[in-house]
Amino acid sequence: MPFVTEELWQALPNRREALIISSWPQTSLPRSTHLVKRFENLQALTRAIRNARAEYYVEPAKRITASIVGSEEVIQYIS
């Protein structure tokens, strides 16, 4: 895949150098550590549900119900 990515990069206008040696993009956008932590928690929840599905051999297309225990704030942002 890196070859495809580089090929697409080379086709973009205003590029200066090869993607493989370019620096990581910088942003001036504000970063909220609180929101980052919330997203990390949501990722962990998703991972836990996927692991439980795999452990109990639940078919990927089958819908399941899950009960989540947490504070009101956690339940609110997950909902």
PDB file of N, CA and C in Angstrom:
ATOM      1  N   MET A   1       0.801  -1.212   0.000  1.00  0.00           N
ATOM      2  CA  MET A   1       0.000   0.000   0.000  1.00  0.00           C
ATOM      3  C   MET A   1       0.846   1.279   0.000  1.00  0.00           C
ATOM      4  N   PRO A   2       2.052   1.285   0.535  1.00  0.00           N
ATOM      5  CA  PRO A   2       2.808   2.547   0.504  1.00  0.00           C
ATOM      6  C   PRO A   2       3.048   3.040  -0.923  1.00  0.00           C
ATOM      7  N   PHE A   3       3.163   2.117  -1.877  1.00  0.00           N
ATOM      8  CA  PHE A   3       3.397   2.525  -3.252  1.00  0.00           C
ATOM      9  C   PHE A   3       2.182   3.238  -3.829  1.00  0.00           C
ATOM     10  N   VAL A   4       0.993   2.748  -3.495  1.00  0.00           N
ATOM     11  CA  VAL A   4      -0.241   3.380  -3.958  1.00  0.00           C
ATOM     12  C   VAL A   4      -0.374   4.758  -3.318  1.00  0.00           C
ATOM     13  N   THR A   5      -0.092   4.851  -2.038  1.00  0.00           N
ATOM     14  CA  THR A   5      -0.187   6.129  -1.336  1.00  0.00           C
ATOM     15  C   THR A   5       0.768   7.146  -1.944  1.00  0.00           C
ATOM     16  N   GLU A   6       1.991   6.731  -2.210  1.00  0.00           N
ATOM     17  CA  GLU A   6       2.979   7.633  -2.815  1.00  0.00           C
ATOM     18  C   GLU A   6       2.543   8.065  -4.204  1.00  0.00           C
ATOM     19  N   GLU A   7       1.989   7.145  -4.963  1.00  0.00           N
ATOM     20  CA  GLU A   7       1.521   7.468  -6.312  1.00  0.00           C
ATOM     21  C   GLU A   7       0.414   8.521  -6.256  1.00  0.00           C
ATOM     22  N   LEU A   8      -0.531   8.354  -5.337  1.00  0.00           N
ATOM     23  CA  LEU A   8      -1.600   9.346  -5.171  1.00  0.00           C
ATOM     24  C   LEU A   8      -1.026  10.688  -4.726  1.00  0.00           C
ATOM     25  N   TRP A   9      -0.066  10.657  -3.825  1.00  0.00           N
ATOM     26  CA  TRP A   9       0.578  11.878  -3.323  1.00  0.00           C
ATOM     27  C   TRP A   9       1.243  12.636  -4.471  1.00  0.00           C
ATOM     28  N   GLN A  10       1.925  11.910  -5.337  1.00  0.00           N
ATOM     29  CA  GLN A  10       2.624  12.537  -6.453  1.00  0.00           C
ATOM     30  C   GLN A  10       1.647  13.207  -7.426  1.00  0.00           C
ATOM     31  N   ALA A  11       0.408  12.741  -7.458  1.00  0.00           N
ATOM     32  CA  ALA A  11      -0.591  13.308  -8.363  1.00  0.00           C
ATOM     33  C   ALA A  11      -1.234  14.578  -7.811  1.00  0.00           C
ATOM     34  N   LEU A  12      -1.034  14.871  -6.525  1.00  0.00           N
ATOM     35  CA  LEU A  12      -1.627  16.062  -5.921  1.00  0.00           C
ATOM     36  C   LEU A  12      -0.889  17.327  -6.344  1.00  0.00           C
ATOM     37  N   PRO A  13      -1.616  18.436  -6.500  1.00  0.00           N
ATOM     38  CA  PRO A  13      -0.938  19.698  -6.805  1.00  0.00           C
ATOM     39  C   PRO A  13      -0.248  20.247  -5.545  1.00  0.00           C
ATOM     40  N   ASN A  14       0.725  21.072  -5.738  1.00  0.00           N
ATOM     41  CA  ASN A  14       1.422  21.790  -4.655  1.00  0.00           C
ATOM     42  C   ASN A  14       2.211  20.887  -3.721  1.00  0.00           C
ATOM     43  N   ARG A  15       2.569  19.701  -4.127  1.00  0.00           N
ATOM     44  CA  ARG A  15       3.410  18.862  -3.274  1.00  0.00           C
ATOM     45  C   ARG A  15       4.855  19.306  -3.469  1.00  0.00           C
ATOM     46  N   ARG A  16       5.674  19.164  -2.429  1.00  0.00           N
ATOM     47  CA  ARG A  16       7.058  19.624  -2.494  1.00  0.00           C
ATOM     48  C   ARG A  16       8.061  18.484  -2.596  1.00  0.00           C
ATOM     49  N   GLU A  17       7.807  17.415  -1.909  1.00  0.00           N
ATOM     50  CA  GLU A  17       8.755  16.309  -1.872  1.00  0.00           C
ATOM     51  C   GLU A  17       7.996  14.993  -1.777  1.00  0.00           C
ATOM     52  N   ALA A  18       8.726  13.910  -1.834  1.00  0.00           N
ATOM     53  CA  ALA A  18       8.103  12.593  -1.724  1.00  0.00           C
ATOM     54  C   ALA A  18       7.446  12.448  -0.356  1.00  0.00           C
ATOM     55  N   LEU A  19       6.331  11.790  -0.331  1.00  0.00           N
ATOM     56  CA  LEU A  19       5.596  11.592   0.918  1.00  0.00           C
ATOM     57  C   LEU A  19       6.424  10.840   1.949  1.00  0.00           C
ATOM     58  N   ILE A  20       7.211   9.903   1.501  1.00  0.00           N
ATOM     59  CA  ILE A  20       7.970   9.056   2.421  1.00  0.00           C
ATOM     60  C   ILE A  20       8.989   9.859   3.249  1.00  0.00           C
ATOM     61  N   ILE A  21       9.419  11.018   2.740  1.00  0.00           N
ATOM     62  CA  ILE A  21      10.384  11.829   3.492  1.00  0.00           C
ATOM     63  C   ILE A  21       9.784  13.143   3.991  1.00  0.00           C
ATOM     64  N   SER A  22       8.492  13.330   3.765  1.00  0.00           N
ATOM     65  CA  SER A  22       7.818  14.542   4.233  1.00  0.00           C
ATOM     66  C   SER A  22       7.633  14.502   5.741  1.00  0.00           C
ATOM     67  N   SER A  23       7.618  15.675   6.348  1.00  0.00           N
ATOM     68  CA  SER A  23       7.368  15.742   7.793  1.00  0.00           C
ATOM     69  C   SER A  23       5.882  15.542   8.058  1.00  0.00           C
ATOM     70  N   TRP A  24       5.575  15.128   9.284  1.00  0.00           N
ATOM     71  CA  TRP A  24       4.187  14.926   9.672  1.00  0.00           C
ATOM     72  C   TRP A  24       3.487  16.283   9.666  1.00  0.00           C
ATOM     73  N   PRO A  25       2.270  16.371   9.152  1.00  0.00           N
ATOM     74  CA  PRO A  25       1.572  17.664   9.097  1.00  0.00           C
ATOM     75  C   PRO A  25       1.352  18.259  10.492  1.00  0.00           C
ATOM     76  N   GLN A  26       1.522  19.548  10.582  1.00  0.00           N
ATOM     77  CA  GLN A  26       1.286  20.267  11.829  1.00  0.00           C
ATOM     78  C   GLN A  26      -0.066  20.974  11.730  1.00  0.00           C
ATOM     79  N   THR A  27      -0.713  21.128  12.853  1.00  0.00           N
ATOM     80  CA  THR A  27      -1.998  21.814  12.877  1.00  0.00           C
ATOM     81  C   THR A  27      -1.996  22.859  13.979  1.00  0.00           C
ATOM     82  N   SER A  28      -2.744  23.905  13.759  1.00  0.00           N
ATOM     83  CA  SER A  28      -2.887  24.934  14.784  1.00  0.00           C
ATOM     84  C   SER A  28      -4.237  24.808  15.489  1.00  0.00           C
ATOM     85  N   LEU A  29      -4.954  23.736  15.189  1.00  0.00           N
ATOM     86  CA  LEU A  29      -6.253  23.528  15.819  1.00  0.00           C
ATOM     87  C   LEU A  29      -6.080  23.217  17.300  1.00  0.00           C
ATOM     88  N   PRO A  30      -6.980  23.701  18.130  1.00  0.00           N
ATOM     89  CA  PRO A  30      -6.882  23.376  19.554  1.00  0.00           C
ATOM     90  C   PRO A  30      -7.141  21.892  19.790  1.00  0.00           C
ATOM     91  N   ARG A  31      -6.461  21.333  20.760  1.00  0.00           N
ATOM     92  CA  ARG A  31      -6.621  19.916  21.075  1.00  0.00           C
ATOM     93  C   ARG A  31      -7.117  19.787  22.506  1.00  0.00           C
ATOM     94  N   SER A  32      -8.262  19.198  22.644  1.00  0.00           N
ATOM     95  CA  SER A  32      -8.857  19.022  23.955  1.00  0.00           C
ATOM     96  C   SER A  32      -8.489  17.637  24.488  1.00  0.00           C
ATOM     97  N   THR A  33      -7.684  17.582  25.526  1.00  0.00           N
ATOM     98  CA  THR A  33      -7.285  16.289  26.089  1.00  0.00           C
ATOM     99  C   THR A  33      -8.496  15.548  26.658  1.00  0.00           C
ATOM    100  N   HIS A  34      -9.483  16.305  27.138  1.00  0.00           N
ATOM    101  CA  HIS A  34     -10.705  15.688  27.664  1.00  0.00           C
ATOM    102  C   HIS A  34     -11.436  14.923  26.550  1.00  0.00           C
ATOM    103  N   LEU A  35     -11.555  15.541  25.378  1.00  0.00           N
ATOM    104  CA  LEU A  35     -12.240  14.884  24.271  1.00  0.00           C
ATOM    105  C   LEU A  35     -11.426  13.726  23.718  1.00  0.00           C
ATOM    106  N   VAL A  36     -10.118  13.847  23.727  1.00  0.00           N
ATOM    107  CA  VAL A  36      -9.260  12.745  23.288  1.00  0.00           C
ATOM    108  C   VAL A  36      -9.462  11.551  24.209  1.00  0.00           C
ATOM    109  N   LYS A  37      -9.520  11.793  25.519  1.00  0.00           N
ATOM    110  CA  LYS A  37      -9.726  10.718  26.487  1.00  0.00           C
ATOM    111  C   LYS A  37     -11.092  10.055  26.278  1.00  0.00           C
ATOM    112  N   ARG A  38     -12.105  10.847  26.004  1.00  0.00           N
ATOM    113  CA  ARG A  38     -13.436  10.290  25.754  1.00  0.00           C
ATOM    114  C   ARG A  38     -13.412   9.367  24.534  1.00  0.00           C
ATOM    115  N   PHE A  39     -12.723   9.816  23.480  1.00  0.00           N
ATOM    116  CA  PHE A  39     -12.640   8.995  22.276  1.00  0.00           C
ATOM    117  C   PHE A  39     -11.862   7.715  22.554  1.00  0.00           C
ATOM    118  N   GLU A  40     -10.786   7.794  23.318  1.00  0.00           N
ATOM    119  CA  GLU A  40     -10.024   6.598  23.675  1.00  0.00           C
ATOM    120  C   GLU A  40     -10.890   5.620  24.462  1.00  0.00           C
ATOM    121  N   ASN A  41     -11.737   6.150  25.356  1.00  0.00           N
ATOM    122  CA  ASN A  41     -12.648   5.286  26.114  1.00  0.00           C
ATOM    123  C   ASN A  41     -13.661   4.612  25.193  1.00  0.00           C
ATOM    124  N   LEU A  42     -14.155   5.345  24.213  1.00  0.00           N
ATOM    125  CA  LEU A  42     -15.095   4.776  23.252  1.00  0.00           C
ATOM    126  C   LEU A  42     -14.415   3.684  22.422  1.00  0.00           C
ATOM    127  N   GLN A  43     -13.159   3.900  22.049  1.00  0.00           N
ATOM    128  CA  GLN A  43     -12.402   2.870  21.334  1.00  0.00           C
ATOM    129  C   GLN A  43     -12.243   1.617  22.202  1.00  0.00           C
ATOM    130  N   ALA A  44     -11.930   1.812  23.489  1.00  0.00           N
ATOM    131  CA  ALA A  44     -11.761   0.677  24.402  1.00  0.00           C
ATOM    132  C   ALA A  44     -13.068  -0.096  24.547  1.00  0.00           C
ATOM    133  N   LEU A  45     -14.179   0.609  24.635  1.00  0.00           N
ATOM    134  CA  LEU A  45     -15.490  -0.043  24.724  1.00  0.00           C
ATOM    135  C   LEU A  45     -15.761  -0.870  23.475  1.00  0.00           C
ATOM    136  N   THR A  46     -15.508  -0.288  22.316  1.00  0.00           N
ATOM    137  CA  THR A  46     -15.707  -1.002  21.054  1.00  0.00           C
ATOM    138  C   THR A  46     -14.834  -2.247  20.996  1.00  0.00           C
ATOM    139  N   ARG A  47     -13.585  -2.108  21.410  1.00  0.00           N
ATOM    140  CA  ARG A  47     -12.664  -3.250  21.423  1.00  0.00           C
ATOM    141  C   ARG A  47     -13.168  -4.349  22.357  1.00  0.00           C
ATOM    142  N   ALA A  48     -13.671  -3.964  23.529  1.00  0.00           N
ATOM    143  CA  ALA A  48     -14.172  -4.946  24.499  1.00  0.00           C
ATOM    144  C   ALA A  48     -15.378  -5.701  23.950  1.00  0.00           C
ATOM    145  N   ILE A  49     -16.278  -4.994  23.283  1.00  0.00           N
ATOM    146  CA  ILE A  49     -17.445  -5.654  22.690  1.00  0.00           C
ATOM    147  C   ILE A  49     -17.016  -6.602  21.578  1.00  0.00           C
ATOM    148  N   ARG A  50     -16.084  -6.159  20.751  1.00  0.00           N
ATOM    149  CA  ARG A  50     -15.595  -7.037  19.676  1.00  0.00           C
ATOM    150  C   ARG A  50     -14.911  -8.277  20.244  1.00  0.00           C
ATOM    151  N   ASN A  51     -14.133  -8.101  21.296  1.00  0.00           N
ATOM    152  CA  ASN A  51     -13.462  -9.245  21.924  1.00  0.00           C
ATOM    153  C   ASN A  51     -14.468 -10.227  22.505  1.00  0.00           C
ATOM    154  N   ALA A  52     -15.516  -9.704  23.149  1.00  0.00           N
ATOM    155  CA  ALA A  52     -16.549 -10.583  23.718  1.00  0.00           C
ATOM    156  C   ALA A  52     -17.270 -11.341  22.603  1.00  0.00           C
ATOM    157  N   ARG A  53     -17.567 -10.671  21.502  1.00  0.00           N
ATOM    158  CA  ARG A  53     -18.214 -11.343  20.370  1.00  0.00           C
ATOM    159  C   ARG A  53     -17.339 -12.469  19.844  1.00  0.00           C
ATOM    160  N   ALA A  54     -16.043 -12.202  19.730  1.00  0.00           N
ATOM    161  CA  ALA A  54     -15.115 -13.221  19.221  1.00  0.00           C
ATOM    162  C   ALA A  54     -14.988 -14.380  20.200  1.00  0.00           C
ATOM    163  N   GLU A  55     -14.943 -14.063  21.490  1.00  0.00           N
ATOM    164  CA  GLU A  55     -14.792 -15.104  22.519  1.00  0.00           C
ATOM    165  C   GLU A  55     -15.975 -16.064  22.528  1.00  0.00           C
ATOM    166  N   TYR A  56     -17.167 -15.538  22.262  1.00  0.00           N
ATOM    167  CA  TYR A  56     -18.371 -16.369  22.280  1.00  0.00           C
ATOM    168  C   TYR A  56     -18.817 -16.770  20.868  1.00  0.00           C
ATOM    169  N   TYR A  57     -17.952 -16.581  19.888  1.00  0.00           N
ATOM    170  CA  TYR A  57     -18.201 -16.994  18.513  1.00  0.00           C
ATOM    171  C   TYR A  57     -19.509 -16.449  17.955  1.00  0.00           C
ATOM    172  N   VAL A  58     -19.754 -15.167  18.168  1.00  0.00           N
ATOM    173  CA  VAL A  58     -20.953 -14.526  17.631  1.00  0.00           C
ATOM    174  C   VAL A  58     -20.670 -14.144  16.176  1.00  0.00           C
ATOM    175  N   GLU A  59     -21.560 -14.525  15.292  1.00  0.00           N
ATOM    176  CA  GLU A  59     -21.395 -14.216  13.875  1.00  0.00           C
ATOM    177  C   GLU A  59     -21.343 -12.707  13.670  1.00  0.00           C
ATOM    178  N   PRO A  60     -20.503 -12.229  12.739  1.00  0.00           N
ATOM    179  CA  PRO A  60     -20.355 -10.780  12.533  1.00  0.00           C
ATOM    180  C   PRO A  60     -21.655 -10.058  12.200  1.00  0.00           C
ATOM    181  N   ALA A  61     -22.554 -10.676  11.453  1.00  0.00           N
ATOM    182  CA  ALA A  61     -23.798 -10.010  11.051  1.00  0.00           C
ATOM    183  C   ALA A  61     -24.867 -10.039  12.135  1.00  0.00           C
ATOM    184  N   LYS A  62     -24.687 -10.844  13.164  1.00  0.00           N
ATOM    185  CA  LYS A  62     -25.705 -10.987  14.201  1.00  0.00           C
ATOM    186  C   LYS A  62     -25.661  -9.799  15.164  1.00  0.00           C
ATOM    187  N   ARG A  63     -26.810  -9.196  15.373  1.00  0.00           N
ATOM    188  CA  ARG A  63     -26.920  -8.069  16.310  1.00  0.00           C
ATOM    189  C   ARG A  63     -27.048  -8.615  17.724  1.00  0.00           C
ATOM    190  N   ILE A  64     -26.397  -7.930  18.656  1.00  0.00           N
ATOM    191  CA  ILE A  64     -26.476  -8.312  20.062  1.00  0.00           C
ATOM    192  C   ILE A  64     -26.849  -7.090  20.877  1.00  0.00           C
ATOM    193  N   THR A  65     -27.246  -7.327  22.111  1.00  0.00           N
ATOM    194  CA  THR A  65     -27.472  -6.225  23.034  1.00  0.00           C
ATOM    195  C   THR A  65     -26.319  -6.211  24.031  1.00  0.00           C
ATOM    196  N   ALA A  66     -26.010  -5.035  24.520  1.00  0.00           N
ATOM    197  CA  ALA A  66     -24.934  -4.904  25.501  1.00  0.00           C
ATOM    198  C   ALA A  66     -25.392  -3.941  26.582  1.00  0.00           C
ATOM    199  N   SER A  67     -25.077  -4.255  27.809  1.00  0.00           N
ATOM    200  CA  SER A  67     -25.366  -3.363  28.931  1.00  0.00           C
ATOM    201  C   SER A  67     -24.073  -2.681  29.342  1.00  0.00           C
ATOM    202  N   ILE A  68     -24.125  -1.377  29.450  1.00  0.00           N
ATOM    203  CA  ILE A  68     -22.948  -0.597  29.812  1.00  0.00           C
ATOM    204  C   ILE A  68     -23.214   0.058  31.151  1.00  0.00           C
ATOM    205  N   VAL A  69     -22.310  -0.170  32.086  1.00  0.00           N
ATOM    206  CA  VAL A  69     -22.430   0.422  33.413  1.00  0.00           C
ATOM    207  C   VAL A  69     -21.408   1.544  33.509  1.00  0.00           C
ATOM    208  N   GLY A  70     -21.882   2.737  33.824  1.00  0.00           N
ATOM    209  CA  GLY A  70     -20.982   3.875  33.937  1.00  0.00           C
ATOM    210  C   GLY A  70     -21.707   5.053  34.537  1.00  0.00           C
ATOM    211  N   SER A  71     -20.976   6.142  34.697  1.00  0.00           N
ATOM    212  CA  SER A  71     -21.583   7.362  35.227  1.00  0.00           C
ATOM    213  C   SER A  71     -22.567   7.921  34.205  1.00  0.00           C
ATOM    214  N   GLU A  72     -23.385   8.831  34.646  1.00  0.00           N
ATOM    215  CA  GLU A  72     -24.378   9.464  33.750  1.00  0.00           C
ATOM    216  C   GLU A  72     -23.678  10.152  32.576  1.00  0.00           C
ATOM    217  N   GLU A  73     -22.546  10.775  32.848  1.00  0.00           N
ATOM    218  CA  GLU A  73     -21.801  11.466  31.778  1.00  0.00           C
ATOM    219  C   GLU A  73     -21.323  10.456  30.731  1.00  0.00           C
ATOM    220  N   VAL A  74     -20.797   9.337  31.169  1.00  0.00           N
ATOM    221  CA  VAL A  74     -20.310   8.303  30.241  1.00  0.00           C
ATOM    222  C   VAL A  74     -21.459   7.752  29.404  1.00  0.00           C
ATOM    223  N   ILE A  75     -22.550   7.419  30.064  1.00  0.00           N
ATOM    224  CA  ILE A  75     -23.718   6.882  29.353  1.00  0.00           C
ATOM    225  C   ILE A  75     -24.225   7.897  28.338  1.00  0.00           C
ATOM    226  N   GLN A  76     -24.227   9.166  28.695  1.00  0.00           N
ATOM    227  CA  GLN A  76     -24.724  10.215  27.803  1.00  0.00           C
ATOM    228  C   GLN A  76     -23.868  10.323  26.538  1.00  0.00           C
ATOM    229  N   TYR A  77     -22.545  10.351  26.672  1.00  0.00           N
ATOM    230  CA  TYR A  77     -21.742  10.523  25.454  1.00  0.00           C
ATOM    231  C   TYR A  77     -21.643   9.256  24.638  1.00  0.00           C
ATOM    232  N   ILE A  78     -21.860   8.109  25.253  1.00  0.00           N
ATOM    233  CA  ILE A  78     -21.894   6.871  24.463  1.00  0.00           C
ATOM    234  C   ILE A  78     -23.198   6.811  23.674  1.00  0.00           C
ATOM    235  N   SER A  79     -24.273   7.269  24.290  1.00  0.00           N
ATOM    236  CA  SER A  79     -25.568   7.254  23.605  1.00  0.00           C
ATOM    237  C   SER A  79     -25.553   8.214  22.441  1.00  0.00           C
TER     238      SER A  79
END
